[in-house]
């Protein structure tokens, strides 16, 4: 091969590489549209005209930060439209259809009921799911390795095992605990998935469990009165957007009855005793990476569904002191965060 042929070969190779890179890059000048369907809405004074948070929670901030790192600047080359089901499955279908009607390039959808509604609303728009329980068992994806269709993202399949972890941590924190109330929502589907795991853990730890189902916030006062009559000694709240919205009210009612509360992260800053939860900002950072991959041309059905790898133990020592509890040092040193 002479030098001219060699040079031509190199030039053609570089050109092909450039074409490949460009085909997978962000389209210059394009304004991307993302539809976001979540649970709890932000405060009215912290929203954009598209109903998205301005400052937002650490989860939202993590998502937006990753998008910015990859060149998607809200208000410039990406527009995000947000809607919120407030933890009510009956609202999900209409909100998903509303977002689909806006013709987004992609949807980020949190929680199982919302993802099901979004999938029913569109088979063409890519959906990146987050905080979903057992997406394979629920029929949202074909498998974790190859989800197929238009849905991928992060699953909380491991979340069912966390229910047992909650009880283990509660017993470690308060060894004398023998009667635990389990508060579950009746407004959505995820809670029944947890019951078997909770019952197995309760049996192993020799803890008597009583289940209380809440479908409306107006029921809470009566449910806590029933817990008092049943001589419950602690409360485990099964995570769900509906109960998260009412976390402060639930913790207040529990505190009045001197019931330590264990649940996911949102309950600890408002007075819950402890939580063990996936690192949510890390999850939302991963969601941003999925968005980038799909915008660059990857098929959501070919992107494996991930599960959380980082978990955090939070303990509210202020709450423990108010309840007259002494948390073992062995548990405190394992905590990722202690609220004094």
Protein backbone atom coordinates (compact mmCIF):
# COMPACT_ATOMS: atom_id res chain seq x y z
CA UNK A 1 0.00 0.00 0.00
CA UNK A 2 1.54 3.36 -1.09
CA UNK A 3 1.46 6.46 1.10
CA UNK A 4 -1.43 8.03 -0.82
CA UNK A 5 -3.64 4.96 -0.42
CA UNK A 6 -2.69 4.70 3.25
CA UNK A 7 -3.55 8.35 3.84
CA UNK A 8 -6.89 7.89 2.06
CA UNK A 9 -7.63 4.83 4.19
CA UNK A 10 -6.91 6.76 7.40
CA UNK A 11 -9.08 9.64 6.20
CA UNK A 12 -12.01 7.32 5.44
CA UNK A 13 -11.64 5.60 8.81
CA UNK A 14 -11.68 8.91 10.65
CA UNK A 15 -14.69 10.05 8.67
CA UNK A 16 -16.60 6.89 9.54
CA UNK A 17 -15.70 7.36 13.21
CA UNK A 18 -16.89 10.95 13.09
CA UNK A 19 -20.20 9.89 11.55
CA UNK A 20 -20.63 7.25 14.27
CA UNK A 21 -19.88 9.74 17.05
CA UNK A 22 -22.20 12.36 15.61
CA UNK A 23 -25.01 9.85 15.21
CA UNK A 24 -24.86 9.15 18.95
CA UNK A 25 -24.38 12.73 20.10
CA UNK A 26 -26.93 15.32 21.15
CA UNK A 27 -28.52 16.90 18.12
CA UNK A 28 -27.17 20.48 17.89
CA UNK A 29 -29.88 23.09 18.24
CA UNK A 30 -32.51 20.60 19.36
CA UNK A 31 -34.63 21.40 22.41
CA UNK A 32 -35.39 18.16 24.23
CA UNK A 33 -38.64 17.69 26.14
CA UNK A 34 -38.93 15.50 29.25
CA UNK A 35 -42.18 14.59 30.96
CA UNK A 36 -41.78 13.93 34.69
CA UNK A 37 -44.51 12.10 36.63
CA UNK A 38 -43.80 11.95 40.36
CA UNK A 39 -45.51 11.53 43.70
CA UNK A 40 -45.61 14.54 46.00
CA UNK A 41 -45.75 18.01 44.45
CA UNK A 42 -43.29 20.68 45.58
CA UNK A 43 -44.45 23.76 47.46
CA UNK A 44 -46.41 26.16 45.20
CA UNK A 45 -43.78 28.88 45.55
CA UNK A 46 -41.03 26.51 44.38
CA UNK A 47 -42.31 25.62 40.92
CA UNK A 48 -41.68 26.67 37.35
CA UNK A 49 -44.53 27.34 34.89
CA UNK A 50 -44.13 23.68 33.91
CA UNK A 51 -44.85 22.73 37.57
CA UNK A 52 -41.31 21.47 38.09
CA UNK A 53 -39.29 22.38 41.19
CA UNK A 54 -37.08 25.46 41.08
CA UNK A 55 -34.79 24.39 43.92
CA UNK A 56 -36.33 21.01 44.68
CA UNK A 57 -35.25 18.12 46.86
CA UNK A 58 -31.75 16.61 46.81
CA UNK A 59 -33.16 13.96 44.45
CA UNK A 60 -34.33 16.55 41.93
CA UNK A 61 -31.08 18.48 42.28
CA UNK A 62 -29.10 15.30 41.58
CA UNK A 63 -31.09 14.60 38.42
CA UNK A 64 -30.74 18.15 37.09
CA UNK A 65 -27.02 18.22 37.95
CA UNK A 66 -26.34 15.11 35.87
CA UNK A 67 -28.35 16.50 32.96
CA UNK A 68 -26.30 19.71 33.13
CA UNK A 69 -23.05 17.74 33.23
CA UNK A 70 -24.10 16.08 29.98
CA UNK A 71 -25.07 19.32 28.28
CA UNK A 72 -28.82 19.45 28.90
CA UNK A 73 -29.58 22.84 30.44
CA UNK A 74 -33.16 23.35 31.69
CA UNK A 75 -34.68 26.39 30.05
CA UNK A 76 -32.15 26.32 27.23
CA UNK A 77 -31.97 23.03 25.35
CA UNK A 78 -34.24 20.93 27.56
CA UNK A 79 -37.75 21.62 28.84
CA UNK A 80 -39.14 19.49 31.68
CA UNK A 81 -42.89 19.26 32.30
CA UNK A 82 -43.88 17.90 35.71
CA UNK A 83 -47.05 16.34 37.10
CA UNK A 84 -47.72 14.66 40.46
CA UNK A 85 -50.12 11.89 41.47
CA UNK A 86 -49.85 12.73 45.21
CA UNK A 87 -49.62 9.01 45.89
CA UNK A 88 -53.09 8.31 44.45
CA UNK A 89 -53.27 5.61 41.81
CA UNK A 90 -56.59 6.97 40.52
CA UNK A 91 -54.86 10.15 39.35
CA UNK A 92 -52.04 8.46 37.47
CA UNK A 93 -53.78 7.65 34.17
CA UNK A 94 -55.03 11.17 33.48
CA UNK A 95 -51.68 12.73 34.38
CA UNK A 96 -49.74 10.26 32.23
CA UNK A 97 -52.05 10.93 29.28
CA UNK A 98 -51.63 14.69 29.79
CA UNK A 99 -47.84 14.38 29.65
CA UNK A 100 -47.99 12.12 26.59
CA UNK A 101 -50.17 14.71 24.81
CA UNK A 102 -47.27 17.19 25.16
CA UNK A 103 -45.19 14.86 22.94
CA UNK A 104 -42.06 14.63 25.09
CA UNK A 105 -38.94 12.92 23.80
CA UNK A 106 -38.78 10.89 27.00
CA UNK A 107 -40.63 10.43 30.31
CA UNK A 108 -39.13 10.00 33.78
CA UNK A 109 -41.74 8.29 35.95
CA UNK A 110 -41.58 7.51 39.66
CA UNK A 111 -43.49 4.75 41.47
CA UNK A 112 -45.20 1.62 40.23
CA UNK A 113 -48.74 2.90 39.64
CA UNK A 114 -47.45 5.91 37.72
CA UNK A 115 -45.21 3.76 35.52
CA UNK A 116 -48.07 1.41 34.71
CA UNK A 117 -50.23 4.38 33.73
CA UNK A 118 -47.46 5.84 31.56
CA UNK A 119 -46.87 2.52 29.83
CA UNK A 120 -50.60 2.25 29.10
CA UNK A 121 -50.58 5.80 27.74
CA UNK A 122 -47.72 5.26 25.27
CA UNK A 123 -45.77 2.43 23.71
CA UNK A 124 -43.57 4.76 21.67
CA UNK A 125 -42.15 7.34 24.09
CA UNK A 126 -39.20 6.00 26.15
CA UNK A 127 -39.98 5.73 29.87
CA UNK A 128 -37.25 5.81 32.52
CA UNK A 129 -38.72 4.48 35.76
CA UNK A 130 -37.55 5.10 39.31
CA UNK A 131 -38.59 3.76 42.74
CA UNK A 132 -40.59 0.88 41.30
CA UNK A 133 -41.37 -2.35 43.14
CA UNK A 134 -40.76 -5.63 41.29
CA UNK A 135 -41.16 -4.37 37.69
CA UNK A 136 -40.85 -7.89 36.26
CA UNK A 137 -43.52 -9.34 38.56
CA UNK A 138 -45.75 -6.36 37.86
CA UNK A 139 -45.44 -6.81 34.09
CA UNK A 140 -43.72 -3.49 33.47
CA UNK A 141 -40.62 -5.07 31.88
CA UNK A 142 -39.85 -8.50 30.47
CA UNK A 143 -36.67 -8.93 32.52
CA UNK A 144 -34.13 -6.82 34.38
CA UNK A 145 -31.37 -7.72 31.91
CA UNK A 146 -33.44 -7.00 28.79
CA UNK A 147 -36.54 -5.01 29.71
CA UNK A 148 -37.86 -4.83 26.14
CA UNK A 149 -40.50 -2.37 24.87
CA UNK A 150 -40.12 1.27 25.95
CA UNK A 151 -39.44 1.01 29.71
CA UNK A 152 -36.16 0.84 31.63
CA UNK A 153 -34.60 2.53 34.68
CA UNK A 154 -34.11 1.59 38.31
CA UNK A 155 -36.03 -0.98 40.32
CA UNK A 156 -36.54 -1.28 44.06
CA UNK A 157 -36.91 -5.06 43.88
CA UNK A 158 -34.54 -5.25 46.83
CA UNK A 159 -36.95 -3.01 48.74
CA UNK A 160 -38.99 -6.00 49.83
CA UNK A 161 -36.03 -7.33 51.81
CA UNK A 162 -35.68 -3.93 53.47
CA UNK A 163 -38.92 -4.56 55.36
CA UNK A 164 -37.20 -7.31 57.31
CA UNK A 165 -34.21 -5.03 57.83
CA UNK A 166 -36.49 -2.41 59.37
CA UNK A 167 -37.62 -4.86 62.05
CA UNK A 168 -34.09 -6.08 62.69
CA UNK A 169 -32.87 -2.53 63.23
CA UNK A 170 -35.83 -1.72 65.43
CA UNK A 171 -35.11 -4.74 67.65
CA UNK A 172 -31.44 -3.79 67.79
CA UNK A 173 -32.32 -0.22 68.78
CA UNK A 174 -34.98 -1.27 71.31
CA UNK A 175 -34.39 -4.93 72.23
CA UNK A 176 -37.45 -5.10 74.50
CA UNK A 177 -39.85 -4.37 71.63
CA UNK A 178 -42.34 -7.22 71.23
CA UNK A 179 -45.45 -5.62 69.65
CA UNK A 180 -45.11 -3.62 66.43
CA UNK A 181 -47.82 -1.86 64.44
CA UNK A 182 -47.45 -1.97 60.65
CA UNK A 183 -49.03 0.96 58.82
CA UNK A 184 -49.68 0.25 55.14
CA UNK A 185 -51.49 2.24 52.50
CA UNK A 186 -54.56 0.84 50.81
CA UNK A 187 -54.45 3.41 47.99
CA UNK A 188 -51.91 1.63 45.80
CA UNK A 189 -50.46 -1.74 44.92
CA UNK A 190 -46.92 -1.95 46.35
CA UNK A 191 -47.79 -2.57 50.02
CA UNK A 192 -49.04 -6.19 49.69
CA UNK A 193 -45.65 -7.16 48.27
CA UNK A 194 -44.10 -6.31 51.62
CA UNK A 195 -46.40 -8.23 53.92
CA UNK A 196 -44.85 -11.67 53.49
CA UNK A 197 -41.36 -10.31 54.17
CA UNK A 198 -42.53 -8.42 57.25
CA UNK A 199 -44.35 -11.43 58.67
CA UNK A 200 -41.32 -13.68 58.13
CA UNK A 201 -39.06 -11.19 59.91
CA UNK A 202 -41.55 -10.76 62.74
CA UNK A 203 -41.69 -14.49 63.30
CA UNK A 204 -37.89 -14.81 63.28
CA UNK A 205 -37.54 -11.97 65.79
CA UNK A 206 -40.41 -13.18 67.98
CA UNK A 207 -42.32 -9.93 67.43
CA UNK A 208 -46.13 -9.73 67.36
CA UNK A 209 -47.33 -7.69 64.39
CA UNK A 210 -50.63 -5.89 63.84
CA UNK A 211 -51.42 -4.49 60.39
CA UNK A 212 -53.28 -1.21 59.94
CA UNK A 213 -54.49 -0.10 56.50
CA UNK A 214 -54.92 3.59 55.68
CA UNK A 215 -56.80 4.74 52.58
CA UNK A 216 -57.52 8.32 53.58
CA UNK A 217 -55.66 10.72 55.92
CA UNK A 218 -58.88 11.16 57.87
CA UNK A 219 -58.48 7.58 59.11
CA UNK A 220 -55.15 8.18 60.82
CA UNK A 221 -56.47 9.38 64.19
CA UNK A 222 -58.70 6.31 64.53
CA UNK A 223 -55.92 3.95 63.50
CA UNK A 224 -53.58 5.34 66.14
CA UNK A 225 -56.30 5.04 68.76
CA UNK A 226 -56.59 1.37 67.78
CA UNK A 227 -52.82 0.95 68.11
CA UNK A 228 -52.96 2.34 71.63
CA UNK A 229 -55.76 -0.03 72.59
CA UNK A 230 -53.75 -2.94 71.15
CA UNK A 231 -50.72 -1.92 73.29
CA UNK A 232 -48.43 -1.45 70.31
CA UNK A 233 -44.85 -0.50 71.27
CA UNK A 234 -43.46 0.76 67.96
CA UNK A 235 -44.60 1.63 64.44
CA UNK A 236 -43.22 0.48 61.09
CA UNK A 237 -44.54 2.54 58.17
CA UNK A 238 -44.37 0.74 54.83
CA UNK A 239 -43.00 3.28 52.30
CA UNK A 240 -45.44 4.63 49.74
CA UNK A 241 -45.93 8.11 48.23
CA UNK A 242 -49.29 8.43 49.99
CA UNK A 243 -47.84 7.98 53.49
CA UNK A 244 -44.76 10.07 52.66
CA UNK A 245 -47.00 13.04 51.93
CA UNK A 246 -48.47 12.65 55.44
CA UNK A 247 -45.19 11.78 57.19
CA UNK A 248 -45.31 14.71 59.60
CA UNK A 249 -48.87 13.94 60.67
CA UNK A 250 -48.06 10.26 61.14
CA UNK A 251 -44.96 11.01 63.23
CA UNK A 252 -46.88 13.55 65.34
CA UNK A 253 -49.61 11.03 66.12
CA UNK A 254 -47.00 8.38 66.92
CA UNK A 255 -45.07 10.75 69.19
CA UNK A 256 -48.23 11.60 71.13
CA UNK A 257 -48.51 7.88 71.90
CA UNK A 258 -44.75 7.45 72.46
CA UNK A 259 -44.41 5.08 69.52
CA UNK A 260 -40.95 5.13 67.88
CA UNK A 261 -41.29 5.15 64.09
CA UNK A 262 -39.14 3.27 61.59
CA UNK A 263 -39.61 3.78 57.85
CA UNK A 264 -37.75 5.27 54.89
CA UNK A 265 -35.68 8.44 54.89
CA UNK A 266 -38.41 11.14 54.73
CA UNK A 267 -39.70 10.12 58.18
CA UNK A 268 -36.47 10.69 60.10
CA UNK A 269 -36.04 14.48 59.69
CA UNK A 270 -39.65 15.02 60.85
CA UNK A 271 -39.20 12.97 64.03
CA UNK A 272 -39.05 9.30 63.07
CA UNK A 273 -36.54 7.22 65.02
CA UNK A 274 -34.60 5.53 62.23
CA UNK A 275 -34.60 4.62 58.57
CA UNK A 276 -32.73 2.30 56.26
CA UNK A 277 -33.09 3.38 52.68
CA UNK A 278 -31.46 3.36 49.28
CA UNK A 279 -29.41 6.47 48.62
CA UNK A 280 -32.00 8.39 46.64
CA UNK A 281 -29.76 11.13 45.18
CA UNK A 282 -27.51 8.38 43.82
CA UNK A 283 -30.55 6.74 42.22
CA UNK A 284 -31.60 9.99 40.56
CA UNK A 285 -28.08 10.55 39.28
CA UNK A 286 -28.34 7.17 37.58
CA UNK A 287 -31.68 8.22 36.09
CA UNK A 288 -29.96 11.21 34.51
CA UNK A 289 -27.46 8.85 32.89
CA UNK A 290 -30.31 6.78 31.42
CA UNK A 291 -31.85 9.94 29.98
CA UNK A 292 -28.55 10.88 28.33
CA UNK A 293 -28.08 7.40 26.84
CA UNK A 294 -31.57 7.39 25.33
CA UNK A 295 -31.21 10.91 23.94
CA UNK A 296 -28.01 9.72 22.27
CA UNK A 297 -29.89 6.98 20.48
CA UNK A 298 -29.87 3.90 22.72
CA UNK A 299 -33.02 1.78 22.85
CA UNK A 300 -34.61 1.72 26.32
CA UNK A 301 -35.61 -1.89 25.82
CA UNK A 302 -31.93 -2.84 25.52
CA UNK A 303 -30.76 -0.96 28.63
CA UNK A 304 -30.71 -3.28 31.69
CA UNK A 305 -32.79 -2.26 34.69
CA UNK A 306 -30.52 -1.44 37.62
CA UNK A 307 -31.06 -1.89 41.35
CA UNK A 308 -29.70 0.36 44.11
CA UNK A 309 -26.25 -0.45 45.44
CA UNK A 310 -25.92 2.25 48.12
CA UNK A 311 -28.02 2.14 51.29
CA UNK A 312 -28.05 4.49 54.27
CA UNK A 313 -28.91 4.12 57.96
CA UNK A 314 -30.27 7.29 59.58
CA UNK A 315 -30.95 7.69 63.30
CA UNK A 316 -32.72 10.59 64.99
CA UNK A 317 -31.00 10.79 68.36
CA UNK A 318 -33.14 13.78 69.34
CA UNK A 319 -36.25 11.62 68.95
CA UNK A 320 -34.64 8.79 70.92
CA UNK A 321 -33.90 11.13 73.82
CA UNK A 322 -37.44 12.54 73.75
CA UNK A 323 -38.80 8.99 74.00
CA UNK A 324 -36.37 8.09 76.78
CA UNK A 325 -34.51 5.59 74.61
CA UNK A 326 -30.80 4.81 74.64
CA UNK A 327 -29.60 3.74 71.22
CA UNK A 328 -26.80 1.13 71.43
CA UNK A 329 -23.38 2.46 70.46
CA UNK A 330 -22.96 -0.49 68.11
CA UNK A 331 -25.86 0.86 66.06
CA UNK A 332 -24.82 4.51 66.23
CA UNK A 333 -21.36 3.85 64.81
CA UNK A 334 -22.93 2.17 61.78
CA UNK A 335 -25.22 5.10 61.04
CA UNK A 336 -24.51 7.17 57.94
CA UNK A 337 -26.22 10.16 59.56
CA UNK A 338 -27.25 10.95 63.13
CA UNK A 339 -29.64 13.80 63.87
CA UNK A 340 -28.71 15.26 67.24
